[in-house]
Amino acid sequence: MTRSTLLAGRIKIADDVTTRLVGLITTPSFQVGQGLLLEPCTAVHTWFMRYPIDVIYLSASNRVLRVVQALPPFCWGPLVSGASKVLEVPAGVCRATGTQVGDVLEFVDEE
């Protein structure tokens, strides 16, 4: 990680059509420490969600290409050229951690 900062300790992976389409729609809340990694993914939506989210668009090498803070429910996120995956975290996480374009994220499997 570029900043040695933890964005989420518990990340679910959505790597098939169904899990990417459903995403966080069925979750009643999204707590600090949780995240959802959608791969492959170049754009997201928050249709039918109950809360805003921070959206981090990543390249294949996990470099941050774009950050959208507090994307509200029932919105489309931007289509980001060059993105291969997206990390969704609770609204406010990117601001609190200073996550910005150019940072490189590291995903560690602790199991």
Protein backbone atom coordinates (compact mmCIF):
# COMPACT_ATOMS: atom_id res chain seq x y z
CA MET A 1 0.00 0.00 0.00
CA THR A 2 1.21 3.47 -0.83
CA ARG A 3 0.20 4.95 2.53
CA SER A 4 0.38 1.85 4.77
CA THR A 5 -3.25 2.54 5.69
CA LEU A 6 -5.95 -0.10 6.15
CA LEU A 7 -9.05 0.63 4.06
CA ALA A 8 -10.97 -2.56 4.92
CA GLY A 9 -10.14 -5.62 6.96
CA ARG A 10 -13.00 -7.76 5.67
CA ILE A 11 -13.39 -7.66 1.90
CA LYS A 12 -15.88 -9.81 0.02
CA ILE A 13 -15.05 -10.62 -3.59
CA ALA A 14 -17.70 -10.35 -6.31
CA ASP A 15 -16.16 -12.10 -9.30
CA ASP A 16 -19.11 -13.53 -11.21
CA VAL A 17 -22.05 -11.92 -13.00
CA THR A 18 -24.57 -12.52 -10.20
CA THR A 19 -22.45 -11.31 -7.27
CA ARG A 20 -21.31 -8.23 -9.22
CA LEU A 21 -24.88 -7.37 -10.24
CA VAL A 22 -26.29 -7.77 -6.72
CA GLY A 23 -23.27 -6.19 -5.02
CA LEU A 24 -24.36 -4.49 -1.80
CA ILE A 25 -28.07 -4.18 -2.70
CA THR A 26 -29.16 -6.84 -0.21
CA THR A 27 -27.08 -5.53 2.71
CA PRO A 28 -28.91 -3.36 5.25
CA SER A 29 -25.72 -1.54 6.30
CA PHE A 30 -22.04 -1.21 5.42
CA GLN A 31 -19.70 -0.83 8.37
CA VAL A 32 -16.22 0.65 8.55
CA GLY A 33 -13.80 -2.24 8.03
CA GLN A 34 -15.95 -3.88 5.35
CA GLY A 35 -15.38 -3.75 1.60
CA LEU A 36 -16.58 -5.28 -1.64
CA LEU A 37 -14.15 -5.93 -4.50
CA LEU A 38 -15.83 -6.24 -7.90
CA GLU A 39 -13.66 -7.87 -10.56
CA PRO A 40 -13.79 -7.39 -13.47
CA CYS A 41 -15.51 -4.01 -13.26
CA THR A 42 -15.27 -0.61 -14.94
CA ALA A 43 -18.45 1.06 -13.60
CA VAL A 44 -20.90 0.69 -10.70
CA HIS A 45 -24.39 1.73 -9.66
CA THR A 46 -26.08 2.22 -6.31
CA TRP A 47 -29.63 1.43 -7.45
CA PHE A 48 -31.79 0.08 -4.60
CA MET A 49 -29.03 0.61 -2.02
CA ARG A 50 -29.80 2.16 1.36
CA TYR A 51 -26.61 4.15 1.98
CA PRO A 52 -23.85 6.05 0.15
CA ILE A 53 -20.50 4.41 -0.59
CA ASP A 54 -16.98 5.42 -1.54
CA VAL A 55 -15.91 3.88 -4.85
CA ILE A 56 -12.27 3.23 -5.75
CA TYR A 57 -11.54 2.35 -9.38
CA LEU A 58 -8.38 0.27 -9.78
CA SER A 59 -6.09 -0.79 -12.61
CA ALA A 60 -5.01 -4.42 -13.03
CA SER A 61 -1.97 -3.58 -10.87
CA ASN A 62 -4.21 -2.08 -8.11
CA ARG A 63 -3.26 1.54 -8.84
CA VAL A 64 -6.06 3.94 -7.94
CA LEU A 65 -7.42 5.50 -11.14
CA ARG A 66 -10.36 7.40 -9.67
CA VAL A 67 -12.06 7.91 -6.32
CA VAL A 68 -15.75 8.78 -5.97
CA GLN A 69 -16.63 9.81 -2.44
CA ALA A 70 -20.09 9.23 -0.95
CA LEU A 71 -21.85 8.07 -4.13
CA PRO A 72 -25.51 8.30 -3.03
CA PRO A 73 -28.15 5.60 -3.46
CA PHE A 74 -29.90 5.33 -6.84
CA CYS A 75 -26.99 6.73 -8.86
CA TRP A 76 -24.66 5.60 -11.61
CA GLY A 77 -20.94 5.84 -10.99
CA PRO A 78 -18.69 6.92 -13.85
CA LEU A 79 -17.30 4.53 -16.45
CA VAL A 80 -13.54 4.66 -15.89
CA SER A 81 -11.28 3.82 -18.80
CA GLY A 82 -8.46 1.48 -17.80
CA ALA A 83 -10.22 0.21 -14.68
CA SER A 84 -10.25 -3.54 -14.21
CA LYS A 85 -11.75 -3.69 -10.72
CA VAL A 86 -13.58 -1.56 -8.19
CA LEU A 87 -13.35 -1.52 -4.41
CA GLU A 88 -16.45 -0.27 -2.60
CA VAL A 89 -16.04 0.87 1.01
CA PRO A 90 -18.29 2.76 3.43
CA ALA A 91 -18.73 6.47 2.72
CA GLY A 92 -16.05 8.52 4.45
CA VAL A 93 -13.29 5.90 4.32
CA CYS A 94 -11.44 7.53 1.41
CA ARG A 95 -11.49 10.94 3.07
CA ALA A 96 -10.40 9.51 6.43
CA THR A 97 -7.50 7.55 4.89
CA GLY A 98 -6.47 10.14 2.31
CA THR A 99 -6.90 7.62 -0.51
CA GLN A 100 -6.25 9.34 -3.84
CA VAL A 101 -5.47 8.78 -7.51
CA GLY A 102 -2.03 7.21 -7.93
CA ASP A 103 -2.06 5.24 -4.68
CA VAL A 104 -1.40 1.51 -5.00
CA LEU A 105 -3.54 -0.87 -2.93
CA GLU A 106 -2.41 -4.22 -1.60
CA PHE A 107 -4.84 -7.05 -0.90
CA VAL A 108 -3.66 -9.56 1.71
CA ASP A 109 -5.37 -12.92 2.23
CA GLU A 110 -4.99 -13.69 5.93
CA GLU A 111 -6.61 -17.12 5.78
